[in-house]
Amino acid sequence: MAKPNYQFQKRQKELQKKKKMEEKRQRKLEKNAPPQSDENPDQSLDQSETVTKDEQFKGPE
């Protein structure tokens, strides 16, 4: 009968733990990221609308 390879088992367990922690970190980043990215497009839209309105007022003068 073969001896169990404890080093291999330990390394596999460490890799699983590391993978799980990385996935958790990614979920936290994704959870925090959408509100910030949603604000930026709104601000750029507001600015572009303002420019468009200004250009419309300049035309008839």
PDB file of N, CA and C in Angstrom:
ATOM      1  N   MET A   1       0.839  -1.183   0.000  1.00  0.00           N
ATOM      2  CA  MET A   1       0.000   0.000   0.000  1.00  0.00           C
ATOM      3  C   MET A   1       0.889   1.254   0.000  1.00  0.00           C
ATOM      4  N   ALA A   2       0.483   2.267  -0.773  1.00  0.00           N
ATOM      5  CA  ALA A   2       1.268   3.490  -0.896  1.00  0.00           C
ATOM      6  C   ALA A   2       1.029   4.408   0.298  1.00  0.00           C
ATOM      7  N   LYS A   3       2.079   5.163   0.611  1.00  0.00           N
ATOM      8  CA  LYS A   3       1.953   6.127   1.705  1.00  0.00           C
ATOM      9  C   LYS A   3       1.207   7.363   1.193  1.00  0.00           C
ATOM     10  N   PRO A   4       0.371   7.963   2.054  1.00  0.00           N
ATOM     11  CA  PRO A   4      -0.302   9.202   1.637  1.00  0.00           C
ATOM     12  C   PRO A   4       0.717  10.338   1.469  1.00  0.00           C
ATOM     13  N   ASN A   5       0.499  11.157   0.457  1.00  0.00           N
ATOM     14  CA  ASN A   5       1.386  12.292   0.193  1.00  0.00           C
ATOM     15  C   ASN A   5       0.774  13.521   0.855  1.00  0.00           C
ATOM     16  N   TYR A   6       1.153  13.749   2.095  1.00  0.00           N
ATOM     17  CA  TYR A   6       0.573  14.833   2.875  1.00  0.00           C
ATOM     18  C   TYR A   6       0.952  16.207   2.318  1.00  0.00           C
ATOM     19  N   GLN A   7       2.142  16.330   1.780  1.00  0.00           N
ATOM     20  CA  GLN A   7       2.555  17.618   1.211  1.00  0.00           C
ATOM     21  C   GLN A   7       1.653  17.995   0.034  1.00  0.00           C
ATOM     22  N   PHE A   8       1.325  17.020  -0.809  1.00  0.00           N
ATOM     23  CA  PHE A   8       0.440  17.290  -1.946  1.00  0.00           C
ATOM     24  C   PHE A   8      -0.937  17.707  -1.452  1.00  0.00           C
ATOM     25  N   GLN A   9      -1.461  16.982  -0.472  1.00  0.00           N
ATOM     26  CA  GLN A   9      -2.784  17.311   0.072  1.00  0.00           C
ATOM     27  C   GLN A   9      -2.785  18.706   0.690  1.00  0.00           C
ATOM     28  N   LYS A  10      -1.723  19.026   1.413  1.00  0.00           N
ATOM     29  CA  LYS A  10      -1.623  20.340   2.043  1.00  0.00           C
ATOM     30  C   LYS A  10      -1.571  21.439   0.982  1.00  0.00           C
ATOM     31  N   ARG A  11      -0.787  21.216  -0.070  1.00  0.00           N
ATOM     32  CA  ARG A  11      -0.667  22.210  -1.139  1.00  0.00           C
ATOM     33  C   ARG A  11      -2.011  22.414  -1.847  1.00  0.00           C
ATOM     34  N   GLN A  12      -2.739  21.330  -2.092  1.00  0.00           N
ATOM     35  CA  GLN A  12      -4.041  21.435  -2.742  1.00  0.00           C
ATOM     36  C   GLN A  12      -5.028  22.216  -1.866  1.00  0.00           C
ATOM     37  N   LYS A  13      -4.991  21.966  -0.575  1.00  0.00           N
ATOM     38  CA  LYS A  13      -5.862  22.679   0.358  1.00  0.00           C
ATOM     39  C   LYS A  13      -5.520  24.167   0.375  1.00  0.00           C
ATOM     40  N   GLU A  14      -4.229  24.493   0.366  1.00  0.00           N
ATOM     41  CA  GLU A  14      -3.798  25.897   0.335  1.00  0.00           C
ATOM     42  C   GLU A  14      -4.249  26.580  -0.957  1.00  0.00           C
ATOM     43  N   LEU A  15      -4.141  25.875  -2.086  1.00  0.00           N
ATOM     44  CA  LEU A  15      -4.562  26.445  -3.363  1.00  0.00           C
ATOM     45  C   LEU A  15      -6.066  26.705  -3.385  1.00  0.00           C
ATOM     46  N   GLN A  16      -6.842  25.788  -2.820  1.00  0.00           N
ATOM     47  CA  GLN A  16      -8.293  25.973  -2.751  1.00  0.00           C
ATOM     48  C   GLN A  16      -8.639  27.182  -1.886  1.00  0.00           C
ATOM     49  N   LYS A  17      -7.960  27.312  -0.766  1.00  0.00           N
ATOM     50  CA  LYS A  17      -8.206  28.441   0.137  1.00  0.00           C
ATOM     51  C   LYS A  17      -7.840  29.760  -0.546  1.00  0.00           C
ATOM     52  N   LYS A  18      -6.712  29.764  -1.256  1.00  0.00           N
ATOM     53  CA  LYS A  18      -6.265  30.964  -1.956  1.00  0.00           C
ATOM     54  C   LYS A  18      -7.262  31.348  -3.048  1.00  0.00           C
ATOM     55  N   LYS A  19      -7.763  30.356  -3.778  1.00  0.00           N
ATOM     56  CA  LYS A  19      -8.738  30.600  -4.842  1.00  0.00           C
ATOM     57  C   LYS A  19     -10.030  31.173  -4.253  1.00  0.00           C
ATOM     58  N   LYS A  20     -10.470  30.614  -3.158  1.00  0.00           N
ATOM     59  CA  LYS A  20     -11.694  31.076  -2.504  1.00  0.00           C
ATOM     60  C   LYS A  20     -11.537  32.523  -2.026  1.00  0.00           C
ATOM     61  N   MET A  21     -10.396  32.849  -1.456  1.00  0.00           N
ATOM     62  CA  MET A  21     -10.148  34.210  -0.981  1.00  0.00           C
ATOM     63  C   MET A  21     -10.106  35.196  -2.157  1.00  0.00           C
ATOM     64  N   GLU A  22      -9.511  34.781  -3.274  1.00  0.00           N
ATOM     65  CA  GLU A  22      -9.445  35.640  -4.455  1.00  0.00           C
ATOM     66  C   GLU A  22     -10.849  35.896  -5.011  1.00  0.00           C
ATOM     67  N   GLU A  23     -11.686  34.865  -5.059  1.00  0.00           N
ATOM     68  CA  GLU A  23     -13.066  35.031  -5.525  1.00  0.00           C
ATOM     69  C   GLU A  23     -13.840  35.973  -4.605  1.00  0.00           C
ATOM     70  N   LYS A  24     -13.628  35.847  -3.320  1.00  0.00           N
ATOM     71  CA  LYS A  24     -14.289  36.714  -2.357  1.00  0.00           C
ATOM     72  C   LYS A  24     -13.853  38.164  -2.548  1.00  0.00           C
ATOM     73  N   ARG A  25     -12.559  38.358  -2.785  1.00  0.00           N
ATOM     74  CA  ARG A  25     -12.030  39.693  -3.011  1.00  0.00           C
ATOM     75  C   ARG A  25     -12.633  40.300  -4.280  1.00  0.00           C
ATOM     76  N   GLN A  26     -12.758  39.499  -5.324  1.00  0.00           N
ATOM     77  CA  GLN A  26     -13.342  39.975  -6.579  1.00  0.00           C
ATOM     78  C   GLN A  26     -14.806  40.362  -6.392  1.00  0.00           C
ATOM     79  N   ARG A  27     -15.543  39.562  -5.621  1.00  0.00           N
ATOM     80  CA  ARG A  27     -16.961  39.887  -5.363  1.00  0.00           C
ATOM     81  C   ARG A  27     -17.072  41.215  -4.616  1.00  0.00           C
ATOM     82  N   LYS A  28     -16.183  41.452  -3.662  1.00  0.00           N
ATOM     83  CA  LYS A  28     -16.216  42.715  -2.915  1.00  0.00           C
ATOM     84  C   LYS A  28     -15.920  43.888  -3.839  1.00  0.00           C
ATOM     85  N   LEU A  29     -14.942  43.720  -4.731  1.00  0.00           N
ATOM     86  CA  LEU A  29     -14.603  44.789  -5.664  1.00  0.00           C
ATOM     87  C   LEU A  29     -15.764  45.070  -6.610  1.00  0.00           C
ATOM     88  N   GLU A  30     -16.412  44.027  -7.102  1.00  0.00           N
ATOM     89  CA  GLU A  30     -17.548  44.191  -8.010  1.00  0.00           C
ATOM     90  C   GLU A  30     -18.725  44.840  -7.292  1.00  0.00           C
ATOM     91  N   LYS A  31     -18.895  44.504  -6.033  1.00  0.00           N
ATOM     92  CA  LYS A  31     -19.998  45.071  -5.254  1.00  0.00           C
ATOM     93  C   LYS A  31     -19.815  46.572  -5.070  1.00  0.00           C
ATOM     94  N   ASN A  32     -18.574  47.004  -4.858  1.00  0.00           N
ATOM     95  CA  ASN A  32     -18.285  48.417  -4.633  1.00  0.00           C
ATOM     96  C   ASN A  32     -18.130  49.202  -5.929  1.00  0.00           C
ATOM     97  N   ALA A  33     -17.758  48.565  -7.003  1.00  0.00           N
ATOM     98  CA  ALA A  33     -17.463  49.263  -8.254  1.00  0.00           C
ATOM     99  C   ALA A  33     -18.693  49.837  -8.971  1.00  0.00           C
ATOM    100  N   PRO A  34     -19.808  49.126  -9.119  1.00  0.00           N
ATOM    101  CA  PRO A  34     -20.922  49.659  -9.923  1.00  0.00           C
ATOM    102  C   PRO A  34     -21.461  51.021  -9.496  1.00  0.00           C
ATOM    103  N   PRO A  35     -21.630  51.338  -8.229  1.00  0.00           N
ATOM    104  CA  PRO A  35     -22.135  52.665  -7.898  1.00  0.00           C
ATOM    105  C   PRO A  35     -21.213  53.778  -8.383  1.00  0.00           C
ATOM    106  N   GLN A  36     -19.918  53.602  -8.307  1.00  0.00           N
ATOM    107  CA  GLN A  36     -18.975  54.614  -8.749  1.00  0.00           C
ATOM    108  C   GLN A  36     -19.020  54.758 -10.260  1.00  0.00           C
ATOM    109  N   SER A  37     -19.084  53.653 -10.987  1.00  0.00           N
ATOM    110  CA  SER A  37     -19.095  53.731 -12.443  1.00  0.00           C
ATOM    111  C   SER A  37     -20.434  54.261 -12.950  1.00  0.00           C
ATOM    112  N   ASP A  38     -21.520  54.077 -12.216  1.00  0.00           N
ATOM    113  CA  ASP A  38     -22.817  54.607 -12.619  1.00  0.00           C
ATOM    114  C   ASP A  38     -22.836  56.129 -12.518  1.00  0.00           C
ATOM    115  N   GLU A  39     -22.145  56.682 -11.555  1.00  0.00           N
ATOM    116  CA  GLU A  39     -22.141  58.126 -11.361  1.00  0.00           C
ATOM    117  C   GLU A  39     -21.397  58.834 -12.486  1.00  0.00           C
ATOM    118  N   ASN A  40     -20.308  58.276 -12.948  1.00  0.00           N
ATOM    119  CA  ASN A  40     -19.503  58.924 -13.977  1.00  0.00           C
ATOM    120  C   ASN A  40     -20.256  59.110 -15.290  1.00  0.00           C
ATOM    121  N   PRO A  41     -20.957  58.102 -15.823  1.00  0.00           N
ATOM    122  CA  PRO A  41     -21.706  58.331 -17.059  1.00  0.00           C
ATOM    123  C   PRO A  41     -22.798  59.382 -16.885  1.00  0.00           C
ATOM    124  N   ASP A  42     -23.438  59.435 -15.732  1.00  0.00           N
ATOM    125  CA  ASP A  42     -24.471  60.441 -15.498  1.00  0.00           C
ATOM    126  C   ASP A  42     -23.870  61.841 -15.553  1.00  0.00           C
ATOM    127  N   GLN A  43     -22.710  62.007 -14.961  1.00  0.00           N
ATOM    128  CA  GLN A  43     -22.066  63.313 -14.950  1.00  0.00           C
ATOM    129  C   GLN A  43     -21.670  63.725 -16.360  1.00  0.00           C
ATOM    130  N   SER A  44     -21.130  62.781 -17.140  1.00  0.00           N
ATOM    131  CA  SER A  44     -20.719  63.123 -18.496  1.00  0.00           C
ATOM    132  C   SER A  44     -21.937  63.429 -19.359  1.00  0.00           C
ATOM    133  N   LEU A  45     -23.060  62.750 -19.122  1.00  0.00           N
ATOM    134  CA  LEU A  45     -24.284  63.036 -19.866  1.00  0.00           C
ATOM    135  C   LEU A  45     -24.792  64.432 -19.519  1.00  0.00           C
ATOM    136  N   ASP A  46     -24.740  64.784 -18.239  1.00  0.00           N
ATOM    137  CA  ASP A  46     -25.192  66.106 -17.822  1.00  0.00           C
ATOM    138  C   ASP A  46     -24.350  67.191 -18.484  1.00  0.00           C
ATOM    139  N   GLN A  47     -23.058  66.979 -18.539  1.00  0.00           N
ATOM    140  CA  GLN A  47     -22.175  67.962 -19.148  1.00  0.00           C
ATOM    141  C   GLN A  47     -22.449  68.085 -20.641  1.00  0.00           C
ATOM    142  N   SER A  48     -22.662  66.954 -21.327  1.00  0.00           N
ATOM    143  CA  SER A  48     -22.908  67.010 -22.766  1.00  0.00           C
ATOM    144  C   SER A  48     -24.247  67.674 -23.055  1.00  0.00           C
ATOM    145  N   GLU A  49     -25.240  67.459 -22.199  1.00  0.00           N
ATOM    146  CA  GLU A  49     -26.538  68.097 -22.387  1.00  0.00           C
ATOM    147  C   GLU A  49     -26.404  69.610 -22.201  1.00  0.00           C
ATOM    148  N   THR A  50     -25.603  70.038 -21.245  1.00  0.00           N
ATOM    149  CA  THR A  50     -25.397  71.455 -20.989  1.00  0.00           C
ATOM    150  C   THR A  50     -24.738  72.108 -22.200  1.00  0.00           C
ATOM    151  N   VAL A  51     -23.744  71.442 -22.751  1.00  0.00           N
ATOM    152  CA  VAL A  51     -23.060  71.977 -23.919  1.00  0.00           C
ATOM    153  C   VAL A  51     -24.049  72.097 -25.067  1.00  0.00           C
ATOM    154  N   THR A  52     -24.878  71.091 -25.263  1.00  0.00           N
ATOM    155  CA  THR A  52     -25.853  71.104 -26.345  1.00  0.00           C
ATOM    156  C   THR A  52     -26.829  72.256 -26.165  1.00  0.00           C
ATOM    157  N   LYS A  53     -27.292  72.494 -24.961  1.00  0.00           N
ATOM    158  CA  LYS A  53     -28.216  73.592 -24.693  1.00  0.00           C
ATOM    159  C   LYS A  53     -27.543  74.933 -24.955  1.00  0.00           C
ATOM    160  N   ASP A  54     -26.275  75.058 -24.542  1.00  0.00           N
ATOM    161  CA  ASP A  54     -25.542  76.301 -24.774  1.00  0.00           C
ATOM    162  C   ASP A  54     -25.387  76.568 -26.269  1.00  0.00           C
ATOM    163  N   GLU A  55     -25.085  75.516 -27.011  1.00  0.00           N
ATOM    164  CA  GLU A  55     -24.912  75.678 -28.455  1.00  0.00           C
ATOM    165  C   GLU A  55     -26.231  76.102 -29.099  1.00  0.00           C
ATOM    166  N   GLN A  56     -27.348  75.589 -28.612  1.00  0.00           N
ATOM    167  CA  GLN A  56     -28.661  75.961 -29.171  1.00  0.00           C
ATOM    168  C   GLN A  56     -28.937  77.422 -28.920  1.00  0.00           C
ATOM    169  N   PHE A  57     -28.556  77.950 -27.769  1.00  0.00           N
ATOM    170  CA  PHE A  57     -28.816  79.356 -27.443  1.00  0.00           C
ATOM    171  C   PHE A  57     -27.924  80.277 -28.271  1.00  0.00           C
ATOM    172  N   LYS A  58     -26.716  79.829 -28.572  1.00  0.00           N
ATOM    173  CA  LYS A  58     -25.797  80.657 -29.348  1.00  0.00           C
ATOM    174  C   LYS A  58     -26.247  80.770 -30.799  1.00  0.00           C
ATOM    175  N   GLY A  59     -26.897  79.751 -31.323  1.00  0.00           N
ATOM    176  CA  GLY A  59     -27.298  79.730 -32.723  1.00  0.00           C
ATOM    177  C   GLY A  59     -28.271  80.832 -33.086  1.00  0.00           C
ATOM    178  N   PRO A  60     -29.402  81.040 -32.394  1.00  0.00           N
ATOM    179  CA  PRO A  60     -30.385  82.034 -32.762  1.00  0.00           C
ATOM    180  C   PRO A  60     -29.922  83.470 -32.563  1.00  0.00           C
ATOM    181  N   GLU A  61     -28.914  83.739 -31.782  1.00  0.00           N
ATOM    182  CA  GLU A  61     -28.483  85.110 -31.511  1.00  0.00           C
ATOM    183  C   GLU A  61     -28.032  85.734 -32.728  1.00  0.00           C
TER     184      GLU A  61
END
